[in-house]
């Protein structure tokens, strides 16, 4: 019989430093301390985080896989821009998956789920009334994780986990642009439909909520005066991006 030997301490320490570097840099990107388009370097990050370059380099590869940075050969590391195509694709996936999960949640909701939804929403309203939009947001967005968990579908959960960092980045962007109050009100409407076991209404309200979020992000990304309404299919996004590049002479 074989035995599983523990990892050497040095390897464990490096892995924990890699995770620490990943989480710290990710949070700085999400909070816009490293804004889209900012150039980063291993030396800079090692100095700021007081971590050696090897775990920093590994963390940057993980961040590139998550879509938060791009590694440019011979140039360095750049914080990924929020692109039109990324925005539409993420929200297309979220709409399909979360609306499906919302239907299941409305059918399966139990007493513990009801108490959880209500408690999170009441805390969000309390912090919103106190003027603390960030804490209100943090409590309110738990609704999405609860709904995904209630679907009891491991593959759906895996896909949503892959989107988690980009979803959080978009969420914080909408928060910084004044959407906290309306988003929390929409969450309250979704919860009311869930508590009433109204499958169709819960799905309808989730879809409207996600599209409202998407439109805020699109309005911030698109040129001033552009109408985001038609940009809801992959084909239209590609056509728009191609026309934009040609207009720029690229």
Protein backbone atom coordinates (compact mmCIF):
# COMPACT_ATOMS: atom_id res chain seq x y z
CA UNK A 1 0.00 0.00 0.00
CA UNK A 2 1.29 3.43 -0.89
CA UNK A 3 1.40 6.32 1.55
CA UNK A 4 0.84 10.00 0.91
CA UNK A 5 3.83 11.95 2.13
CA UNK A 6 3.26 15.54 3.29
CA UNK A 7 4.58 18.31 1.08
CA UNK A 8 7.87 19.89 2.12
CA UNK A 9 7.32 22.97 4.31
CA UNK A 10 9.04 25.24 1.78
CA UNK A 11 6.61 24.16 -0.96
CA UNK A 12 3.62 24.69 1.35
CA UNK A 13 4.89 28.15 2.29
CA UNK A 14 5.36 29.09 -1.37
CA UNK A 15 1.83 27.94 -2.19
CA UNK A 16 0.38 30.00 0.67
CA UNK A 17 2.40 33.05 -0.45
CA UNK A 18 1.15 32.53 -3.99
CA UNK A 19 -2.45 32.49 -2.75
CA UNK A 20 -1.84 35.52 -0.56
CA UNK A 21 -0.35 37.43 -3.50
CA UNK A 22 -3.23 36.37 -5.75
CA UNK A 23 -5.92 37.53 -3.32
CA UNK A 24 -4.17 40.82 -2.52
CA UNK A 25 -3.55 41.82 -6.15
CA UNK A 26 -7.05 40.68 -7.14
CA UNK A 27 -8.62 42.86 -4.45
CA UNK A 28 -6.57 45.86 -5.56
CA UNK A 29 -7.80 45.34 -9.12
CA UNK A 30 -11.43 44.95 -8.02
CA UNK A 31 -11.19 48.08 -5.86
CA UNK A 32 -9.56 49.99 -8.76
CA UNK A 33 -6.38 50.68 -6.82
CA UNK A 34 -4.87 49.07 -9.90
CA UNK A 35 -7.24 50.51 -12.54
CA UNK A 36 -7.88 49.00 -16.00
CA UNK A 37 -4.88 49.56 -18.25
CA UNK A 38 -2.42 50.00 -15.36
CA UNK A 39 1.01 48.45 -15.91
CA UNK A 40 2.30 46.19 -13.15
CA UNK A 41 5.69 44.61 -12.60
CA UNK A 42 6.92 41.72 -10.50
CA UNK A 43 9.43 43.99 -8.76
CA UNK A 44 6.78 46.59 -7.94
CA UNK A 45 4.37 44.01 -6.53
CA UNK A 46 7.09 42.20 -4.59
CA UNK A 47 8.03 45.49 -2.92
CA UNK A 48 4.43 46.56 -2.21
CA UNK A 49 3.34 43.17 -0.85
CA UNK A 50 6.65 42.27 0.81
CA UNK A 51 6.65 38.91 -0.98
CA UNK A 52 9.41 37.42 -3.13
CA UNK A 53 9.11 37.44 -6.91
CA UNK A 54 8.49 33.70 -7.41
CA UNK A 55 5.04 33.55 -5.74
CA UNK A 56 4.23 36.93 -7.34
CA UNK A 57 5.00 35.48 -10.78
CA UNK A 58 2.82 32.43 -10.08
CA UNK A 59 -0.02 34.59 -8.78
CA UNK A 60 0.11 36.75 -11.92
CA UNK A 61 -0.29 33.63 -14.07
CA UNK A 62 -3.39 32.73 -12.04
CA UNK A 63 -4.74 36.26 -12.44
CA UNK A 64 -4.20 36.03 -16.20
CA UNK A 65 -6.18 32.77 -16.25
CA UNK A 66 -8.97 34.55 -14.36
CA UNK A 67 -8.95 37.33 -16.97
CA UNK A 68 -7.94 40.09 -14.57
CA UNK A 69 -4.51 40.79 -16.08
CA UNK A 70 -2.80 40.25 -19.42
CA UNK A 71 0.84 39.20 -19.64
CA UNK A 72 2.44 40.97 -22.60
CA UNK A 73 5.74 39.46 -23.80
CA UNK A 74 8.63 41.92 -23.60
CA UNK A 75 6.33 44.58 -22.13
CA UNK A 76 5.07 43.45 -18.75
CA UNK A 77 1.72 42.89 -17.06
CA UNK A 78 -1.31 45.08 -17.67
CA UNK A 79 -4.59 45.13 -15.75
CA UNK A 80 -7.26 43.93 -18.17
CA UNK A 81 -9.59 46.54 -19.60
CA UNK A 82 -13.32 46.01 -19.22
CA UNK A 83 -14.17 45.18 -22.82
CA UNK A 84 -17.51 45.25 -24.56
CA UNK A 85 -17.25 41.61 -25.58
CA UNK A 86 -16.32 40.44 -22.07
CA UNK A 87 -19.24 42.35 -20.59
CA UNK A 88 -21.84 40.96 -22.96
CA UNK A 89 -20.51 37.40 -22.76
CA UNK A 90 -20.41 37.33 -18.97
CA UNK A 91 -23.92 38.72 -18.64
CA UNK A 92 -25.25 36.37 -21.34
CA UNK A 93 -23.96 33.40 -19.37
CA UNK A 94 -25.19 34.79 -16.07
CA UNK A 95 -28.66 35.41 -17.46
CA UNK A 96 -29.03 31.86 -18.75
CA UNK A 97 -27.55 30.14 -15.70
CA UNK A 98 -28.93 32.33 -12.92
CA UNK A 99 -32.43 32.47 -14.36
CA UNK A 100 -32.40 28.67 -14.58
CA UNK A 101 -31.16 28.45 -10.98
CA UNK A 102 -33.78 30.98 -9.85
CA UNK A 103 -36.58 28.79 -11.21
CA UNK A 104 -35.23 25.84 -9.26
CA UNK A 105 -34.82 27.94 -6.12
CA UNK A 106 -38.44 29.11 -6.28
CA UNK A 107 -39.56 25.49 -6.36
CA UNK A 108 -37.20 24.21 -3.65
CA UNK A 109 -37.09 27.04 -1.12
CA UNK A 110 -37.35 25.84 2.47
CA UNK A 111 -37.69 27.53 5.84
CA UNK A 112 -33.92 27.91 6.36
CA UNK A 113 -33.56 29.41 2.88
CA UNK A 114 -36.37 31.85 3.59
CA UNK A 115 -34.72 33.02 6.81
CA UNK A 116 -31.37 33.39 5.04
CA UNK A 117 -32.77 35.50 2.20
CA UNK A 118 -34.73 37.70 4.58
CA UNK A 119 -31.82 38.20 7.01
CA UNK A 120 -29.38 39.18 4.25
CA UNK A 121 -31.87 41.62 2.74
CA UNK A 122 -32.70 43.25 6.08
CA UNK A 123 -28.98 43.75 6.81
CA UNK A 124 -28.48 45.23 3.34
CA UNK A 125 -31.34 47.68 3.92
CA UNK A 126 -29.93 48.61 7.34
CA UNK A 127 -26.48 49.41 5.94
CA UNK A 128 -28.03 51.23 2.98
CA UNK A 129 -30.03 53.45 5.35
CA UNK A 130 -26.82 54.13 7.31
CA UNK A 131 -25.09 55.29 4.12
CA UNK A 132 -22.70 52.34 3.93
CA UNK A 133 -23.27 51.22 0.34
CA UNK A 134 -20.35 48.78 0.33
CA UNK A 135 -21.56 46.75 3.31
CA UNK A 136 -25.11 46.91 1.94
CA UNK A 137 -23.77 45.52 -1.35
CA UNK A 138 -21.76 42.78 0.38
CA UNK A 139 -24.86 41.48 2.19
CA UNK A 140 -27.25 41.91 -0.72
CA UNK A 141 -25.19 39.98 -3.30
CA UNK A 142 -25.37 36.88 -1.10
CA UNK A 143 -28.72 36.34 -2.82
CA UNK A 144 -26.93 35.18 -5.98
CA UNK A 145 -24.75 32.63 -4.16
CA UNK A 146 -27.75 31.27 -2.26
CA UNK A 147 -29.71 30.80 -5.47
CA UNK A 148 -26.82 29.02 -7.19
CA UNK A 149 -26.36 26.72 -4.18
CA UNK A 150 -30.07 25.85 -4.19
CA UNK A 151 -29.81 24.61 -7.80
CA UNK A 152 -27.70 21.70 -6.46
CA UNK A 153 -25.90 21.42 -9.79
CA UNK A 154 -22.14 21.02 -9.43
CA UNK A 155 -21.34 21.91 -13.05
CA UNK A 156 -23.41 25.07 -12.89
CA UNK A 157 -21.53 25.99 -9.71
CA UNK A 158 -18.18 25.38 -11.42
CA UNK A 159 -19.06 27.68 -14.32
CA UNK A 160 -20.28 30.39 -11.95
CA UNK A 161 -17.06 30.09 -9.96
CA UNK A 162 -15.09 30.67 -13.18
CA UNK A 163 -17.06 33.89 -13.69
CA UNK A 164 -16.85 34.97 -10.04
CA UNK A 165 -13.95 37.45 -10.28
CA UNK A 166 -15.32 39.18 -13.38
CA UNK A 167 -18.82 39.21 -11.91
CA UNK A 168 -17.49 40.83 -8.72
CA UNK A 169 -15.53 43.38 -10.74
CA UNK A 170 -18.64 44.37 -12.68
CA UNK A 171 -20.66 44.50 -9.46
CA UNK A 172 -18.24 46.90 -7.79
CA UNK A 173 -18.24 49.05 -10.93
CA UNK A 174 -22.03 49.39 -10.79
CA UNK A 175 -21.81 50.08 -7.05
CA UNK A 176 -19.37 52.95 -7.61
CA UNK A 177 -21.75 54.38 -10.18
CA UNK A 178 -24.75 54.73 -7.90
CA UNK A 179 -26.65 51.51 -8.47
CA UNK A 180 -26.70 50.19 -4.88
CA UNK A 181 -30.20 51.39 -3.97
CA UNK A 182 -31.92 50.18 -7.14
CA UNK A 183 -30.06 46.85 -7.20
CA UNK A 184 -30.99 46.11 -3.58
CA UNK A 185 -34.62 46.99 -4.33
CA UNK A 186 -34.53 44.55 -7.27
CA UNK A 187 -33.10 41.88 -4.97
CA UNK A 188 -36.01 42.48 -2.62
CA UNK A 189 -38.46 41.90 -5.48
CA UNK A 190 -36.69 38.67 -6.45
CA UNK A 191 -36.83 37.49 -2.83
CA UNK A 192 -40.55 38.26 -2.62
CA UNK A 193 -41.18 36.10 -5.70
CA UNK A 194 -39.04 33.29 -4.28
CA UNK A 195 -40.87 33.39 -0.94
CA UNK A 196 -44.15 33.17 -2.84
CA UNK A 197 -42.90 30.16 -4.85
CA UNK A 198 -43.71 32.11 -8.02
CA UNK A 199 -41.36 30.44 -10.48
CA UNK A 200 -42.13 32.58 -13.53
CA UNK A 201 -42.09 35.89 -11.65
CA UNK A 202 -38.82 35.06 -9.87
CA UNK A 203 -37.15 34.25 -13.20
CA UNK A 204 -38.58 37.38 -14.82
CA UNK A 205 -37.29 39.60 -12.00
CA UNK A 206 -33.84 38.00 -12.03
CA UNK A 207 -33.58 38.52 -15.79
CA UNK A 208 -34.61 42.17 -15.50
CA UNK A 209 -32.11 42.69 -12.66
CA UNK A 210 -29.17 41.20 -14.58
CA UNK A 211 -30.01 43.20 -17.70
CA UNK A 212 -30.19 46.42 -15.69
CA UNK A 213 -26.73 45.67 -14.26
CA UNK A 214 -25.39 44.89 -17.73
CA UNK A 215 -26.73 48.11 -19.19
CA UNK A 216 -25.00 50.20 -16.49
CA UNK A 217 -21.66 48.55 -17.33
CA UNK A 218 -22.19 48.93 -21.08
CA UNK A 219 -23.04 52.61 -20.67
CA UNK A 220 -19.71 53.10 -18.88
CA UNK A 221 -17.70 51.22 -21.50
CA UNK A 222 -19.32 52.52 -24.69
CA UNK A 223 -18.46 55.94 -26.14
CA UNK A 224 -20.59 58.82 -24.86
CA UNK A 225 -23.99 58.89 -26.52
CA UNK A 226 -23.84 55.31 -27.84
CA UNK A 227 -26.96 53.20 -27.33
CA UNK A 228 -26.16 49.91 -25.52
CA UNK A 229 -29.58 48.37 -26.24
CA UNK A 230 -28.76 46.54 -29.51
CA UNK A 231 -25.51 45.05 -28.17
CA UNK A 232 -26.95 41.87 -26.70
CA UNK A 233 -25.72 39.17 -29.08
CA UNK A 234 -22.23 37.93 -29.85
CA UNK A 235 -22.64 38.77 -33.55
CA UNK A 236 -23.56 42.37 -32.84
CA UNK A 237 -20.64 42.75 -30.43
CA UNK A 238 -18.18 41.46 -33.05
CA UNK A 239 -19.62 43.78 -35.70
CA UNK A 240 -19.39 46.75 -33.34
CA UNK A 241 -15.82 45.92 -32.29
CA UNK A 242 -14.74 45.48 -35.93
CA UNK A 243 -16.29 48.79 -36.97
CA UNK A 244 -14.63 50.55 -34.03
CA UNK A 245 -11.19 49.16 -34.90
CA UNK A 246 -11.58 50.13 -38.56
CA UNK A 247 -12.63 53.63 -37.54
CA UNK A 248 -9.52 53.90 -35.39
CA UNK A 249 -7.35 52.77 -38.30
CA UNK A 250 -6.22 49.61 -36.53
